[in-house]
N, C-alpha and C. Protein backbone atom coordinates (compact mmCIF):
# COMPACT_ATOMS: atom_id res chain seq x y z
N MET A 1 109.13 -23.60 -0.60
CA MET A 1 108.02 -23.38 -1.24
C MET A 1 106.61 -23.01 -0.42
N ASN A 2 105.90 -22.19 -0.79
CA ASN A 2 104.67 -21.31 0.09
C ASN A 2 103.25 -21.93 -0.73
N LEU A 3 102.58 -23.13 -0.08
CA LEU A 3 101.77 -24.11 -0.47
C LEU A 3 100.56 -23.72 0.51
N LEU A 4 99.54 -23.46 -0.76
CA LEU A 4 97.78 -22.86 -0.82
C LEU A 4 97.17 -24.21 -0.43
N LEU A 5 96.79 -24.13 -0.04
CA LEU A 5 96.22 -26.49 0.20
C LEU A 5 94.72 -25.38 -0.35
N ASP A 6 94.16 -26.48 -1.08
CA ASP A 6 92.51 -25.85 -1.67
C ASP A 6 91.55 -27.16 -0.84
N THR A 7 90.67 -26.53 -0.63
CA THR A 7 89.99 -26.89 0.34
C THR A 7 89.55 -28.65 0.58
N HIS A 8 89.83 -28.92 -0.76
CA HIS A 8 89.25 -30.67 -0.99
C HIS A 8 90.77 -31.13 -0.96
N VAL A 9 92.03 -30.41 -0.30
CA VAL A 9 92.66 -30.93 -0.88
C VAL A 9 93.61 -30.91 0.37
N LEU A 10 93.34 -30.34 1.88
CA LEU A 10 93.24 -29.93 3.69
C LEU A 10 92.35 -31.42 3.92
N ILE A 11 91.48 -31.56 2.79
CA ILE A 11 90.23 -32.57 3.45
C ILE A 11 91.29 -34.13 2.61
N TRP A 12 91.17 -34.12 1.87
CA TRP A 12 92.48 -35.47 1.33
C TRP A 12 93.19 -35.65 2.58
N ALA A 13 93.82 -34.83 3.17
CA ALA A 13 95.64 -34.85 3.74
C ALA A 13 95.17 -34.81 4.72
N GLU A 14 93.72 -35.20 5.78
CA GLU A 14 93.40 -35.03 6.56
C GLU A 14 92.80 -36.50 6.52
N SER A 15 92.79 -37.24 5.33
CA SER A 15 92.31 -38.06 5.68
C SER A 15 92.71 -39.63 4.90
N LYS A 16 94.01 -38.95 4.76
CA LYS A 16 95.10 -40.34 3.82
C LYS A 16 93.60 -40.91 3.15
N ASP A 17 93.10 -39.76 2.08
CA ASP A 17 92.03 -39.87 1.12
C ASP A 17 93.08 -40.73 -0.12
N SER A 18 93.36 -41.96 -0.71
CA SER A 18 93.76 -42.43 -2.11
C SER A 18 93.80 -41.48 -3.48
N GLN A 19 92.72 -39.51 -3.44
CA GLN A 19 93.24 -38.98 -4.48
C GLN A 19 93.93 -38.71 -4.64
N LEU A 20 94.68 -38.41 -3.15
CA LEU A 20 96.43 -37.47 -2.76
C LEU A 20 97.30 -38.62 -4.21
N GLY A 21 98.75 -37.15 -4.74
CA GLY A 21 99.32 -37.54 -5.22
C GLY A 21 100.46 -38.15 -4.02
N GLU A 22 100.98 -38.79 -4.74
CA GLU A 22 102.54 -39.28 -4.21
C GLU A 22 103.21 -38.15 -3.96
N VAL A 23 103.80 -36.93 -4.99
CA VAL A 23 104.13 -36.14 -5.10
C VAL A 23 103.70 -35.06 -4.53
N THR A 24 102.63 -35.28 -4.23
CA THR A 24 101.78 -33.80 -3.66
C THR A 24 102.44 -34.66 -1.88
N ARG A 25 101.74 -35.87 -1.39
CA ARG A 25 102.34 -35.98 0.04
C ARG A 25 103.75 -36.27 -0.04
N GLN A 26 104.19 -35.98 -0.89
CA GLN A 26 106.15 -36.26 -0.24
C GLN A 26 105.93 -34.14 -0.58
N LEU A 27 106.12 -33.22 -0.90
CA LEU A 27 105.45 -32.17 -1.02
C LEU A 27 104.98 -31.46 0.58
N LEU A 28 103.75 -32.28 0.67
CA LEU A 28 103.54 -31.78 2.79
C LEU A 28 103.86 -32.54 3.98
N LEU A 29 104.74 -33.65 3.56
CA LEU A 29 106.20 -33.79 4.46
C LEU A 29 107.22 -33.66 4.28
N ASP A 30 107.12 -32.19 3.58
CA ASP A 30 108.51 -31.96 3.21
C ASP A 30 108.42 -30.95 4.39
N ALA A 31 109.94 -30.42 5.37
CA ALA A 31 109.32 -29.84 6.33
C ALA A 31 109.68 -27.87 5.62
N SER A 32 110.47 -28.25 4.80
CA SER A 32 111.03 -26.91 4.44
C SER A 32 109.76 -26.50 3.75
N ASN A 33 108.45 -26.86 3.02
CA ASN A 33 107.36 -26.31 2.30
C ASN A 33 106.77 -26.22 3.28
N ALA A 34 106.37 -24.42 3.37
CA ALA A 34 105.12 -23.52 4.09
C ALA A 34 103.28 -24.02 4.07
N LEU A 35 102.99 -24.57 4.77
CA LEU A 35 101.69 -25.31 3.91
C LEU A 35 101.51 -23.97 4.70
N LEU A 36 99.80 -23.85 3.52
CA LEU A 36 99.00 -22.92 4.00
C LEU A 36 97.60 -22.89 4.06
N VAL A 37 96.25 -22.94 4.96
CA VAL A 37 94.86 -23.06 4.38
C VAL A 37 94.68 -21.64 4.99
N SER A 38 93.56 -20.83 3.63
CA SER A 38 92.76 -19.49 3.81
C SER A 38 91.16 -20.09 5.08
N PRO A 39 91.40 -19.44 5.07
CA PRO A 39 89.58 -19.01 5.95
C PRO A 39 88.94 -19.53 4.93
N VAL A 40 88.68 -19.38 4.13
CA VAL A 40 88.36 -19.58 3.06
C VAL A 40 87.38 -21.08 3.09
N SER A 41 88.75 -21.91 3.46
CA SER A 41 88.44 -23.10 2.95
C SER A 41 87.52 -23.38 4.54
N SER A 42 86.87 -23.38 5.79
CA SER A 42 86.68 -23.32 6.89
C SER A 42 85.14 -23.02 6.69
N LEU A 43 84.43 -22.23 4.95
CA LEU A 43 83.53 -21.11 4.43
C LEU A 43 83.02 -22.76 3.71
N GLU A 44 83.99 -22.74 2.80
CA GLU A 44 83.69 -24.38 2.46
C GLU A 44 83.09 -25.20 2.79
N ILE A 45 83.77 -25.88 3.89
CA ILE A 45 84.09 -26.67 4.21
C ILE A 45 81.85 -26.46 5.37
N SER A 46 82.36 -25.46 6.04
CA SER A 46 80.49 -25.68 6.60
C SER A 46 79.69 -25.47 6.08
N ARG A 47 79.62 -25.22 5.09
CA ARG A 47 78.83 -25.35 3.94
C ARG A 47 78.35 -26.61 3.44
N LEU A 48 80.00 -27.71 3.10
CA LEU A 48 79.07 -28.93 2.99
C LEU A 48 78.46 -29.84 3.67
N ILE A 49 79.62 -29.14 5.60
CA ILE A 49 78.54 -29.69 6.46
C ILE A 49 77.52 -29.08 7.03
N SER A 50 76.73 -27.95 6.53
CA SER A 50 75.41 -27.62 6.72
C SER A 50 74.58 -28.37 5.29
N LEU A 51 74.65 -28.17 4.66
CA LEU A 51 73.73 -28.68 3.46
C LEU A 51 74.21 -30.76 3.80
N GLU A 52 74.56 -31.20 4.84
CA GLU A 52 74.34 -32.60 4.35
C GLU A 52 75.40 -33.00 2.97
N ARG A 53 76.33 -32.63 2.82
CA ARG A 53 77.84 -33.41 2.01
C ARG A 53 78.67 -33.71 2.61
N LEU A 54 78.89 -33.49 3.69
CA LEU A 54 80.46 -33.98 4.79
C LEU A 54 79.67 -33.47 5.52
N HIS A 55 80.62 -35.01 6.33
CA HIS A 55 80.16 -35.67 7.15
C HIS A 55 82.03 -35.89 8.39
N PHE A 56 81.08 -35.02 9.49
CA PHE A 56 82.83 -36.00 10.60
C PHE A 56 82.25 -35.79 12.07
N SER A 57 82.34 -36.75 12.52
CA SER A 57 82.85 -37.63 13.62
C SER A 57 82.45 -36.31 15.10
N LYS A 58 83.89 -35.33 14.29
CA LYS A 58 83.65 -33.85 15.61
C LYS A 58 83.03 -32.64 15.12
N SER A 59 83.55 -31.77 15.45
CA SER A 59 83.22 -30.06 15.47
C SER A 59 83.91 -30.12 14.17
N LEU A 60 83.98 -29.80 13.58
CA LEU A 60 84.42 -28.34 12.67
C LEU A 60 85.73 -27.58 13.35
N ASN A 61 85.97 -26.82 14.40
CA ASN A 61 86.97 -26.72 14.74
C ASN A 61 87.82 -27.94 15.53
N ASP A 62 87.35 -28.37 16.22
CA ASP A 62 87.88 -30.04 16.63
C ASP A 62 89.06 -30.83 15.20
N TRP A 63 87.74 -31.19 14.71
CA TRP A 63 88.99 -31.41 13.36
C TRP A 63 90.04 -30.71 13.14
N LEU A 64 89.47 -28.80 12.73
CA LEU A 64 90.79 -28.49 12.10
C LEU A 64 91.99 -28.11 13.29
N LYS A 65 91.69 -28.35 14.82
CA LYS A 65 92.71 -28.55 15.83
C LYS A 65 93.59 -29.41 15.22
N GLU A 66 92.92 -30.51 14.39
CA GLU A 66 93.54 -31.43 14.59
C GLU A 66 94.26 -31.89 13.61
N ALA A 67 93.78 -31.35 12.69
CA ALA A 67 94.78 -31.51 10.99
C ALA A 67 96.05 -30.45 10.77
N ARG A 68 95.01 -28.70 12.17
CA ARG A 68 96.60 -28.08 12.24
C ARG A 68 97.89 -29.79 12.35
N LEU A 69 97.55 -30.30 13.47
CA LEU A 69 98.54 -30.79 14.22
C LEU A 69 99.11 -31.88 13.60
N HIS A 70 98.67 -32.08 12.80
CA HIS A 70 98.70 -32.96 12.14
C HIS A 70 99.64 -32.70 10.48
N LEU A 71 99.15 -31.67 9.82
CA LEU A 71 99.58 -31.23 8.47
C LEU A 71 100.37 -30.40 9.23
N GLY A 72 100.33 -29.04 10.48
CA GLY A 72 101.67 -28.06 10.32
C GLY A 72 101.52 -26.98 9.60
N PHE A 73 99.98 -26.46 9.78
CA PHE A 73 99.82 -25.71 8.46
C PHE A 73 99.55 -25.17 9.67
N LYS A 74 100.08 -23.37 8.56
CA LYS A 74 99.51 -21.88 9.67
C LYS A 74 98.05 -20.99 8.55
N ASP A 75 97.61 -20.66 9.26
CA ASP A 75 96.19 -20.39 8.48
C ASP A 75 97.05 -18.55 7.71
N ALA A 76 96.04 -18.82 6.49
CA ALA A 76 96.56 -18.09 5.20
C ALA A 76 95.71 -16.21 5.71
N GLU A 77 96.56 -15.51 5.55
CA GLU A 77 96.01 -14.20 5.86
C GLU A 77 94.69 -13.88 4.99
N PHE A 78 94.17 -13.49 5.32
CA PHE A 78 92.34 -12.39 3.52
C PHE A 78 92.32 -11.80 5.08
N THR A 79 92.80 -10.58 3.34
CA THR A 79 92.80 -9.14 4.02
C THR A 79 91.75 -8.93 2.78
N HIS A 80 91.50 -7.01 2.62
CA HIS A 80 91.14 -7.11 2.41
C HIS A 80 91.35 -6.49 0.49
N SER A 81 93.40 -6.73 0.50
CA SER A 81 93.46 -6.85 -1.25
C SER A 81 92.70 -7.83 -2.17
N ILE A 82 93.79 -9.54 -0.98
CA ILE A 82 92.99 -10.47 -1.75
C ILE A 82 91.61 -10.41 -2.08
N ALA A 83 90.82 -9.81 -1.20
CA ALA A 83 88.44 -9.80 -1.55
C ALA A 83 88.96 -9.25 -2.51
N ILE A 84 89.65 -7.72 -2.90
CA ILE A 84 89.66 -6.53 -4.35
C ILE A 84 89.58 -7.72 -5.42
N ARG A 85 91.26 -8.58 -5.01
CA ARG A 85 92.23 -9.00 -6.51
C ARG A 85 91.13 -10.37 -6.56
N SER A 86 90.32 -10.77 -6.58
CA SER A 86 88.85 -12.18 -6.28
C SER A 86 88.70 -11.96 -7.70
N TYR A 87 87.79 -10.56 -8.12
CA TYR A 87 86.86 -10.28 -8.45
C TYR A 87 87.31 -9.26 -9.75
N ASP A 88 89.07 -9.25 -9.95
CA ASP A 88 89.45 -8.29 -10.37
C ASP A 88 90.58 -9.82 -11.27
N LEU A 89 90.58 -10.82 -11.56
CA LEU A 89 91.22 -11.78 -12.25
C LEU A 89 91.35 -12.03 -13.37
N LEU A 90 92.25 -11.16 -14.26
CA LEU A 90 92.35 -12.01 -15.34
C LEU A 90 91.95 -13.22 -16.66
N ASP A 91 91.14 -12.23 -17.45
CA ASP A 91 90.55 -13.52 -18.33
C ASP A 91 89.35 -14.01 -17.49
N ASP A 92 88.19 -14.93 -18.42
CA ASP A 92 87.52 -15.52 -18.22
C ASP A 92 87.59 -16.74 -17.33
N PHE A 93 87.81 -16.88 -16.03
CA PHE A 93 87.68 -17.52 -14.72
C PHE A 93 86.36 -17.90 -14.16
N HIS A 94 87.13 -18.64 -13.33
CA HIS A 94 85.94 -19.82 -11.73
C HIS A 94 85.24 -18.93 -12.01
N LYS A 95 83.90 -19.07 -11.76
CA LYS A 95 82.67 -18.37 -10.94
C LYS A 95 82.95 -18.92 -10.05
N ASP A 96 83.15 -19.69 -9.22
CA ASP A 96 82.75 -19.68 -8.11
C ASP A 96 83.87 -19.72 -7.02
N PRO A 97 83.21 -18.33 -6.61
CA PRO A 97 83.84 -16.72 -5.49
C PRO A 97 84.51 -17.51 -4.80
N ALA A 98 84.62 -19.28 -4.00
CA ALA A 98 85.79 -19.18 -2.43
C ALA A 98 86.74 -19.91 -3.66
N ASP A 99 86.14 -20.29 -4.81
CA ASP A 99 88.26 -20.70 -5.32
C ASP A 99 88.42 -19.20 -6.31
N ARG A 100 87.40 -17.78 -6.71
CA ARG A 100 87.75 -17.12 -6.81
C ARG A 100 89.23 -16.38 -5.41
N MET A 101 88.50 -16.53 -4.09
CA MET A 101 88.98 -15.81 -3.41
C MET A 101 91.16 -17.00 -3.52
N LEU A 102 90.53 -18.11 -3.51
CA LEU A 102 91.95 -18.97 -3.50
C LEU A 102 92.39 -18.75 -3.96
N VAL A 103 92.48 -18.93 -5.24
CA VAL A 103 93.15 -18.70 -6.64
C VAL A 103 94.36 -16.59 -6.36
N ALA A 104 93.27 -15.78 -5.40
CA ALA A 104 93.62 -15.03 -4.84
C ALA A 104 94.45 -13.91 -4.20
N THR A 105 94.39 -14.97 -3.19
CA THR A 105 95.45 -15.59 -1.93
C THR A 105 96.37 -16.68 -2.26
N ALA A 106 96.86 -16.63 -3.27
CA ALA A 106 98.46 -17.75 -3.88
C ALA A 106 98.80 -16.63 -4.41
N MET A 107 97.30 -15.86 -4.85
CA MET A 107 98.13 -14.51 -5.72
C MET A 107 99.29 -13.92 -5.36
N GLU A 108 98.41 -13.81 -4.06
CA GLU A 108 99.08 -12.67 -3.42
C GLU A 108 99.68 -12.94 -2.78
N LEU A 109 99.04 -13.90 -1.51
CA LEU A 109 101.11 -14.33 -0.98
C LEU A 109 101.91 -15.54 -1.56
N ASP A 110 102.64 -15.34 -2.78
CA ASP A 110 103.62 -15.31 -4.01
C ASP A 110 103.51 -17.41 -3.73
N CYS A 111 101.48 -18.21 -3.46
CA CYS A 111 101.98 -19.63 -2.97
C CYS A 111 101.78 -20.74 -4.63
N HIS A 112 102.44 -21.88 -4.58
CA HIS A 112 101.79 -22.50 -4.80
C HIS A 112 100.27 -22.61 -4.42
N LEU A 113 99.27 -23.07 -5.79
CA LEU A 113 97.99 -24.03 -4.54
C LEU A 113 97.82 -24.92 -5.58
N LEU A 114 97.82 -25.88 -4.93
CA LEU A 114 97.77 -27.64 -4.47
C LEU A 114 96.82 -27.34 -4.58
N THR A 115 95.58 -28.14 -5.84
CA THR A 115 94.54 -29.04 -6.36
C THR A 115 94.31 -29.56 -7.87
N ALA A 116 93.12 -29.98 -7.49
CA ALA A 116 92.51 -31.06 -7.93
C ALA A 116 91.93 -30.37 -8.99
N ASP A 117 91.30 -29.14 -8.57
CA ASP A 117 90.54 -27.99 -9.45
C ASP A 117 90.92 -28.96 -11.26
N ASP A 118 90.66 -28.73 -12.55
CA ASP A 118 91.16 -28.23 -13.09
C ASP A 118 91.70 -26.33 -14.29
N LEU A 119 89.96 -25.79 -13.98
CA LEU A 119 89.82 -24.48 -13.99
C LEU A 119 90.99 -23.88 -13.12
N ILE A 120 91.52 -24.32 -12.08
CA ILE A 120 92.59 -23.97 -11.59
C ILE A 120 93.59 -23.57 -12.88
N LEU A 121 93.83 -25.76 -12.36
CA LEU A 121 94.98 -26.05 -12.95
C LEU A 121 95.44 -25.66 -14.68
N ASN A 122 94.73 -24.88 -15.14
CA ASN A 122 94.33 -24.38 -16.81
C ASN A 122 94.30 -22.80 -16.58
N TYR A 123 94.59 -22.34 -15.36
CA TYR A 123 94.70 -20.82 -15.33
C TYR A 123 96.48 -20.68 -15.10
N PRO A 124 96.34 -19.11 -16.52
CA PRO A 124 98.19 -19.69 -16.28
C PRO A 124 98.13 -18.23 -15.79
N HIS A 125 98.11 -17.90 -14.93
CA HIS A 125 97.99 -16.36 -13.76
C HIS A 125 98.23 -17.01 -11.69
N VAL A 126 97.75 -18.37 -11.78
CA VAL A 126 98.42 -19.22 -10.61
C VAL A 126 99.29 -20.16 -10.57
N LYS A 127 100.47 -20.11 -9.38
CA LYS A 127 101.46 -20.89 -9.58
C LYS A 127 100.20 -22.24 -9.16
N SER A 128 100.18 -23.44 -10.34
CA SER A 128 99.25 -24.75 -9.09
C SER A 128 99.99 -26.42 -9.21
N ILE A 129 98.98 -26.69 -8.78
CA ILE A 129 100.21 -27.74 -8.26
C ILE A 129 98.99 -28.46 -8.72
N ASP A 130 99.10 -30.40 -9.91
CA ASP A 130 97.84 -30.67 -9.67
C ASP A 130 98.47 -32.03 -8.23
N ALA A 131 97.16 -31.80 -7.27
CA ALA A 131 97.34 -32.94 -5.71
C ALA A 131 96.87 -34.11 -6.20
N ARG A 132 95.99 -34.24 -7.65
CA ARG A 132 96.54 -36.06 -8.13
C ARG A 132 97.86 -36.74 -8.22
N ASN A 133 99.11 -36.00 -8.22
CA ASN A 133 99.72 -36.18 -8.49
C ASN A 133 100.57 -36.57 -7.42
């Protein structure tokens, strides 16, 4: 299964946060699953760091390198098609541009989006998994 990690799930997984559910932990450990992280997550994390709402003891580049080693994720491609689809989503959906881009990425790449965002989990047009489970 292809799994796209929402930004908070990436942070939880790398920090071994207790908010991450046991089912999700097993999905992340299952070598038959392909783990993907979008560059959008780097954008979101960079923003949180700049706003001093998130702190790492190392640079974001170093943190991402370590997370890639620990979790074994690959970069999800961010294409023009994904950018366009981000604002062609059906129904009244999320106003957050990063979440729109992540949903569009999951749809374009046929991934399940691992998230704890209820707006995404309740959006019927994307395959999602509640990361709290």
